[in-house]
C-alpha atoms as a PDB file:
ATOM      1  CA  MET A   1       0.000   0.000   0.000  1.00  0.00           C
ATOM      2  CA  ARG A   2       2.761   2.417   0.966  1.00  0.00           C
ATOM      3  CA  LYS A   3       4.691   1.664  -2.218  1.00  0.00           C
ATOM      4  CA  ASN A   4       1.560   2.340  -4.289  1.00  0.00           C
ATOM      5  CA  THR A   5       1.084   5.684  -2.529  1.00  0.00           C
ATOM      6  CA  HIS A   6       4.672   6.683  -3.251  1.00  0.00           C
ATOM      7  CA  ILE A   7       4.320   5.648  -6.905  1.00  0.00           C
ATOM      8  CA  LEU A   8       1.088   7.647  -7.202  1.00  0.00           C
ATOM      9  CA  ILE A   9       2.650  10.714  -5.609  1.00  0.00           C
ATOM     10  CA  LEU A  10       5.772  10.415  -7.743  1.00  0.00           C
ATOM     11  CA  SER A  11       3.630  10.053 -10.890  1.00  0.00           C
ATOM     12  CA  ILE A  12       1.622  13.146 -10.008  1.00  0.00           C
ATOM     13  CA  MET A  13       4.760  15.157  -9.251  1.00  0.00           C
ATOM     14  CA  ILE A  14       6.384  14.107 -12.549  1.00  0.00           C
ATOM     15  CA  GLY A  15       3.217  15.018 -14.434  1.00  0.00           C
ATOM     16  CA  LEU A  16       3.093  18.423 -12.780  1.00  0.00           C
ATOM     17  CA  LEU A  17       6.764  18.985 -13.447  1.00  0.00           C
ATOM     18  CA  LEU A  18       6.338  18.113 -17.133  1.00  0.00           C
ATOM     19  CA  ALA A  19       3.276  20.340 -17.392  1.00  0.00           C
ATOM     20  CA  ALA A  20       5.108  23.226 -15.728  1.00  0.00           C
ATOM     21  CA  CYS A  21       8.198  22.861 -17.885  1.00  0.00           C
ATOM     22  CA  GLY A  22       6.362  22.324 -21.154  1.00  0.00           C
ATOM     23  CA  SER A  23       3.943  25.225 -21.058  1.00  0.00           C
ATOM     24  CA  ALA A  24       4.248  28.958 -21.183  1.00  0.00           C
ATOM     25  CA  ALA A  25       0.770  29.461 -19.731  1.00  0.00           C
ATOM     26  CA  ASP A  26       0.578  31.661 -16.658  1.00  0.00           C
ATOM     27  CA  ASP A  27      -1.889  29.355 -14.895  1.00  0.00           C
ATOM     28  CA  VAL A  28       0.396  26.273 -14.853  1.00  0.00           C
ATOM     29  CA  PRO A  29       2.034  25.604 -11.492  1.00  0.00           C
ATOM     30  CA  SER A  30       5.779  26.031 -11.330  1.00  0.00           C
ATOM     31  CA  LEU A  31       8.378  24.652  -8.959  1.00  0.00           C
ATOM     32  CA  GLU A  32       8.332  28.010  -7.190  1.00  0.00           C
ATOM     33  CA  ALA A  33       4.621  27.799  -6.446  1.00  0.00           C
ATOM     34  CA  THR A  34       3.461  27.502  -2.885  1.00  0.00           C
ATOM     35  CA  PRO A  35       2.714  23.945  -1.718  1.00  0.00           C
ATOM     36  CA  SER A  36      -1.019  24.593  -1.767  1.00  0.00           C
ATOM     37  CA  THR A  37      -0.894  25.516  -5.465  1.00  0.00           C
ATOM     38  CA  ILE A  38       1.170  22.510  -6.544  1.00  0.00           C
ATOM     39  CA  ALA A  39      -1.612  19.954  -6.156  1.00  0.00           C
ATOM     40  CA  GLU A  40      -5.017  19.602  -4.606  1.00  0.00           C
ATOM     41  CA  GLY A  41      -4.170  16.706  -2.251  1.00  0.00           C
ATOM     42  CA  LYS A  42      -2.933  17.592   1.221  1.00  0.00           C
ATOM     43  CA  ILE A  43      -0.512  14.652   1.327  1.00  0.00           C
ATOM     44  CA  LEU A  44       1.211  15.912  -1.788  1.00  0.00           C
ATOM     45  CA  ASP A  45       1.161  19.493  -0.478  1.00  0.00           C
ATOM     46  CA  ASP A  46       2.830  18.541   2.789  1.00  0.00           C
ATOM     47  CA  GLU A  47       5.279  16.110   1.237  1.00  0.00           C
ATOM     48  CA  ALA A  48       6.249  18.645  -1.439  1.00  0.00           C
ATOM     49  CA  ALA A  49       6.756  21.318   1.228  1.00  0.00           C
ATOM     50  CA  VAL A  50       8.906  19.013   3.358  1.00  0.00           C
ATOM     51  CA  MET A  51      10.887  17.919   0.298  1.00  0.00           C
ATOM     52  CA  ALA A  52      11.532  21.581  -0.565  1.00  0.00           C
ATOM     53  CA  PHE A  53      12.703  22.135   3.033  1.00  0.00           C
ATOM     54  CA  VAL A  54      14.940  19.030   2.944  1.00  0.00           C
ATOM     55  CA  GLN A  55      16.468  20.057  -0.391  1.00  0.00           C
ATOM     56  CA  CYS A  56      17.075  23.587   0.893  1.00  0.00           C
ATOM     57  CA  MET A  57      18.769  22.196   4.018  1.00  0.00           C
ATOM     58  CA  ARG A  58      20.891  19.881   1.828  1.00  0.00           C
ATOM     59  CA  ASP A  59      21.915  22.898  -0.237  1.00  0.00           C
ATOM     60  CA  GLU A  60      22.989  24.508   3.051  1.00  0.00           C
ATOM     61  CA  GLY A  61      25.118  21.456   3.976  1.00  0.00           C
ATOM     62  CA  ILE A  62      22.687  19.670   6.328  1.00  0.00           C
ATOM     63  CA  GLU A  63      22.228  16.006   5.418  1.00  0.00           C
ATOM     64  CA  PHE A  64      18.585  14.895   5.662  1.00  0.00           C
ATOM     65  CA  LYS A  65      16.879  11.726   4.442  1.00  0.00           C
ATOM     66  CA  ASP A  66      13.962  12.072   2.013  1.00  0.00           C
ATOM     67  CA  PRO A  67      10.576  12.757   3.662  1.00  0.00           C
ATOM     68  CA  VAL A  68       8.492   9.790   4.822  1.00  0.00           C
ATOM     69  CA  VAL A  69       4.695   9.536   4.642  1.00  0.00           C
ATOM     70  CA  ASP A  70       3.167   7.143   7.196  1.00  0.00           C
ATOM     71  CA  SER A  71       0.327   4.725   6.515  1.00  0.00           C
ATOM     72  CA  ASP A  72      -2.228   7.358   7.581  1.00  0.00           C
ATOM     73  CA  GLY A  73      -0.907   9.833   5.010  1.00  0.00           C
ATOM     74  CA  ASN A  74       0.913  12.028   7.546  1.00  0.00           C
ATOM     75  CA  VAL A  75       4.291  13.420   6.560  1.00  0.00           C
ATOM     76  CA  GLN A  76       6.853  12.621   9.238  1.00  0.00           C
ATOM     77  CA  GLU A  77       9.434  15.058  10.546  1.00  0.00           C
ATOM     78  CA  PRO A  78      12.653  14.904   8.490  1.00  0.00           C
ATOM     79  CA  GLU A  79      15.509  12.859   9.925  1.00  0.00           C
ATOM     80  CA  PHE A  80      19.243  13.316   9.540  1.00  0.00           C
ATOM     81  CA  VAL A  81      21.166  10.857   7.386  1.00  0.00           C
ATOM     82  CA  GLU A  82      22.602   8.120   9.582  1.00  0.00           C
ATOM     83  CA  GLY A  83      25.945   9.191  11.031  1.00  0.00           C
ATOM     84  CA  PHE A  84      25.452  12.902  10.304  1.00  0.00           C
ATOM     85  CA  THR A  85      25.842  15.141  13.339  1.00  0.00           C
ATOM     86  CA  VAL A  86      25.301  18.847  13.742  1.00  0.00           C
ATOM     87  CA  THR A  87      25.226  21.232  16.700  1.00  0.00           C
ATOM     88  CA  ARG A  88      22.352  23.596  17.422  1.00  0.00           C
ATOM     89  CA  GLU A  89      24.571  26.495  16.465  1.00  0.00           C
ATOM     90  CA  GLU A  90      25.473  24.904  13.115  1.00  0.00           C
ATOM     91  CA  LEU A  91      21.799  24.155  12.427  1.00  0.00           C
ATOM     92  CA  ALA A  92      20.512  27.657  13.237  1.00  0.00           C
ATOM     93  CA  ALA A  93      21.605  29.517  10.081  1.00  0.00           C
ATOM     94  CA  PRO A  94      20.497  26.851   7.556  1.00  0.00           C
ATOM     95  CA  TYR A  95      17.179  26.463   9.376  1.00  0.00           C
ATOM     96  CA  ALA A  96      16.601  30.218   9.237  1.00  0.00           C
ATOM     97  CA  VAL A  97      17.146  30.103   5.459  1.00  0.00           C
ATOM     98  CA  CYS A  98      14.891  27.071   4.845  1.00  0.00           C
ATOM     99  CA  SER A  99      12.160  27.073   7.506  1.00  0.00           C
ATOM    100  CA  HIS A 100       9.692  29.057   5.372  1.00  0.00           C
ATOM    101  CA  HIS A 101       9.067  25.860   3.383  1.00  0.00           C
ATOM    102  CA  ILE A 102       7.464  24.169   6.393  1.00  0.00           C
ATOM    103  CA  ASP A 103       5.724  27.071   8.137  1.00  0.00           C
ATOM    104  CA  GLY A 104       2.435  25.855   9.586  1.00  0.00           C
ATOM    105  CA  LEU A 105       3.071  22.137   9.003  1.00  0.00           C
ATOM    106  CA  THR A 106       2.513  19.597  11.734  1.00  0.00           C
ATOM    107  CA  PHE A 107       4.382  16.343  11.436  1.00  0.00           C
ATOM    108  CA  GLY A 108       2.700  12.990  11.871  1.00  0.00           C
ATOM    109  CA  ARG A 109      -0.578  14.380  13.144  1.00  0.00           C
ATOM    110  CA  GLU A 110      -3.413  16.697  12.284  1.00  0.00           C
ATOM    111  CA  ARG A 111      -3.146  20.233  13.621  1.00  0.00           C
ATOM    112  CA  GLY A 112      -5.667  20.505  16.402  1.00  0.00           C
ATOM    113  CA  ASP A 113      -6.610  23.287  18.774  1.00  0.00           C
ATOM    114  CA  ILE A 114      -3.322  24.783  19.904  1.00  0.00           C
ATOM    115  CA  SER A 115      -4.731  27.446  22.215  1.00  0.00           C
ATOM    116  CA  ALA A 116      -3.708  25.530  25.364  1.00  0.00           C
ATOM    117  CA  ARG A 117      -0.160  25.175  24.051  1.00  0.00           C
ATOM    118  CA  VAL A 118      -0.016  28.872  23.136  1.00  0.00           C
ATOM    119  CA  ASP A 119      -1.262  29.815  26.607  1.00  0.00           C
ATOM    120  CA  GLN A 120       1.366  27.582  28.215  1.00  0.00           C
ATOM    121  CA  MET A 121       4.189  29.032  26.115  1.00  0.00           C
ATOM    122  CA  VAL A 122       3.016  32.620  26.739  1.00  0.00           C
ATOM    123  CA  LYS A 123       3.172  31.929  30.492  1.00  0.00           C
ATOM    124  CA  LEU A 124       6.640  30.424  30.050  1.00  0.00           C
ATOM    125  CA  ALA A 125       7.819  33.466  28.070  1.00  0.00           C
ATOM    126  CA  ILE A 126       6.408  35.900  30.649  1.00  0.00           C
ATOM    127  CA  CYS A 127       8.025  33.980  33.497  1.00  0.00           C
ATOM    128  CA  LEU A 128      11.402  33.832  31.749  1.00  0.00           C
ATOM    129  CA  ASN A 129      11.169  37.541  30.874  1.00  0.00           C
ATOM    130  CA  GLU A 130      10.567  38.292  34.565  1.00  0.00           C
ATOM    131  CA  LYS A 131      13.756  36.330  35.315  1.00  0.00           C
ATOM    132  CA  GLY A 132      15.810  38.472  32.916  1.00  0.00           C
ATOM    133  CA  HIS A 133      15.545  36.578  29.618  1.00  0.00           C
ATOM    134  CA  ASP A 134      14.360  38.497  26.559  1.00  0.00           C
ATOM    135  CA  LEU A 135      11.651  36.447  24.800  1.00  0.00           C
ATOM    136  CA  ASP A 136       8.798  37.411  22.529  1.00  0.00           C
ATOM    137  CA  GLU A 137       5.401  35.974  23.386  1.00  0.00           C
ATOM    138  CA  PRO A 138       4.090  33.435  20.873  1.00  0.00           C
ATOM    139  CA  THR A 139       0.723  33.584  19.146  1.00  0.00           C
ATOM    140  CA  ALA A 140      -1.258  30.828  17.422  1.00  0.00           C
ATOM    141  CA  GLU A 141       0.281  31.945  14.130  1.00  0.00           C
ATOM    142  CA  THR A 142       3.869  32.044  15.426  1.00  0.00           C
ATOM    143  CA  ILE A 143       3.919  29.174  17.940  1.00  0.00           C
ATOM    144  CA  GLU A 144       5.815  26.721  15.697  1.00  0.00           C
ATOM    145  CA  GLN A 145       8.544  29.206  14.739  1.00  0.00           C
ATOM    146  CA  TRP A 146       8.628  30.552  18.305  1.00  0.00           C
ATOM    147  CA  GLY A 147       9.324  27.031  19.593  1.00  0.00           C
ATOM    148  CA  VAL A 148      12.153  26.548  17.112  1.00  0.00           C
ATOM    149  CA  ASN A 149      13.642  29.951  17.928  1.00  0.00           C
ATOM    150  CA  PHE A 150      13.359  29.197  21.642  1.00  0.00           C
ATOM    151  CA  ARG A 151      15.043  25.778  21.335  1.00  0.00           C
ATOM    152  CA  LEU A 152      17.859  27.192  19.198  1.00  0.00           C
ATOM    153  CA  GLY A 153      18.276  30.541  20.933  1.00  0.00           C
ATOM    154  CA  PHE A 154      17.909  29.739  24.632  1.00  0.00           C
ATOM    155  CA  ASP A 155      21.252  29.325  26.425  1.00  0.00           C
ATOM    156  CA  TRP A 156      20.856  25.728  27.598  1.00  0.00           C
ATOM    157  CA  ASP A 157      24.474  25.656  28.808  1.00  0.00           C
ATOM    158  CA  ASP A 158      23.983  28.535  31.285  1.00  0.00           C
ATOM    159  CA  PRO A 159      23.145  27.143  34.748  1.00  0.00           C
ATOM    160  CA  ASP A 160      21.172  30.304  35.651  1.00  0.00           C
ATOM    161  CA  ALA A 161      19.129  30.065  32.443  1.00  0.00           C
ATOM    162  CA  MET A 162      18.445  26.377  33.088  1.00  0.00           C
ATOM    163  CA  GLU A 163      17.343  27.125  36.646  1.00  0.00           C
ATOM    164  CA  ALA A 164      14.991  29.854  35.380  1.00  0.00           C
ATOM    165  CA  TYR A 165      13.612  27.473  32.748  1.00  0.00           C
ATOM    166  CA  GLU A 166      13.052  24.710  35.300  1.00  0.00           C
ATOM    167  CA  ASP A 167      11.369  27.148  37.704  1.00  0.00           C
ATOM    168  CA  CYS A 168       9.109  28.528  34.981  1.00  0.00           C
ATOM    169  CA  SER A 169       8.337  25.082  33.539  1.00  0.00           C
ATOM    170  CA  SER A 170       7.416  23.572  36.885  1.00  0.00           C
ATOM    171  CA  ALA A 171       5.181  26.586  37.663  1.00  0.00           C
ATOM    172  CA  GLU A 172       3.101  25.706  34.572  1.00  0.00           C
ATOM    173  CA  GLU A 173       2.186  22.187  35.692  1.00  0.00           C
END
């Protein structure tokens, strides 16, 4: 079943690519189109977006495997090629260049109501700001990017920062 899905998706992508390359019409999708304009199926949209992200990261020197779609049609979060290692600092610049490809995507699950998560992260940001750390407060629209920025930008090696994080995290539970 999974192989058939991949063949179908590959066939559709090749057909779209041929149509885009072989026509001068303005209404034909191009490789620079947004994922939602490439095809009507969500699986293809998400997989195409993740593939664009993976290719961008590869162009920036980060080695990722090709995207995987699970049996429920959910695109899984990209994984590094086996044996490839990278630090948070080394990942930050390439991610900043490529992250626009996956804005708003959720990996392996449907995007549900995120208001509770936003509320929790706003409380965390306020608490950390009160403890001397400069953080923006996330919104429903920025929560995914905020989380990435927080994970990459927070000084996890600073014992005072870690203590503040632990205090603020435990206050939320």
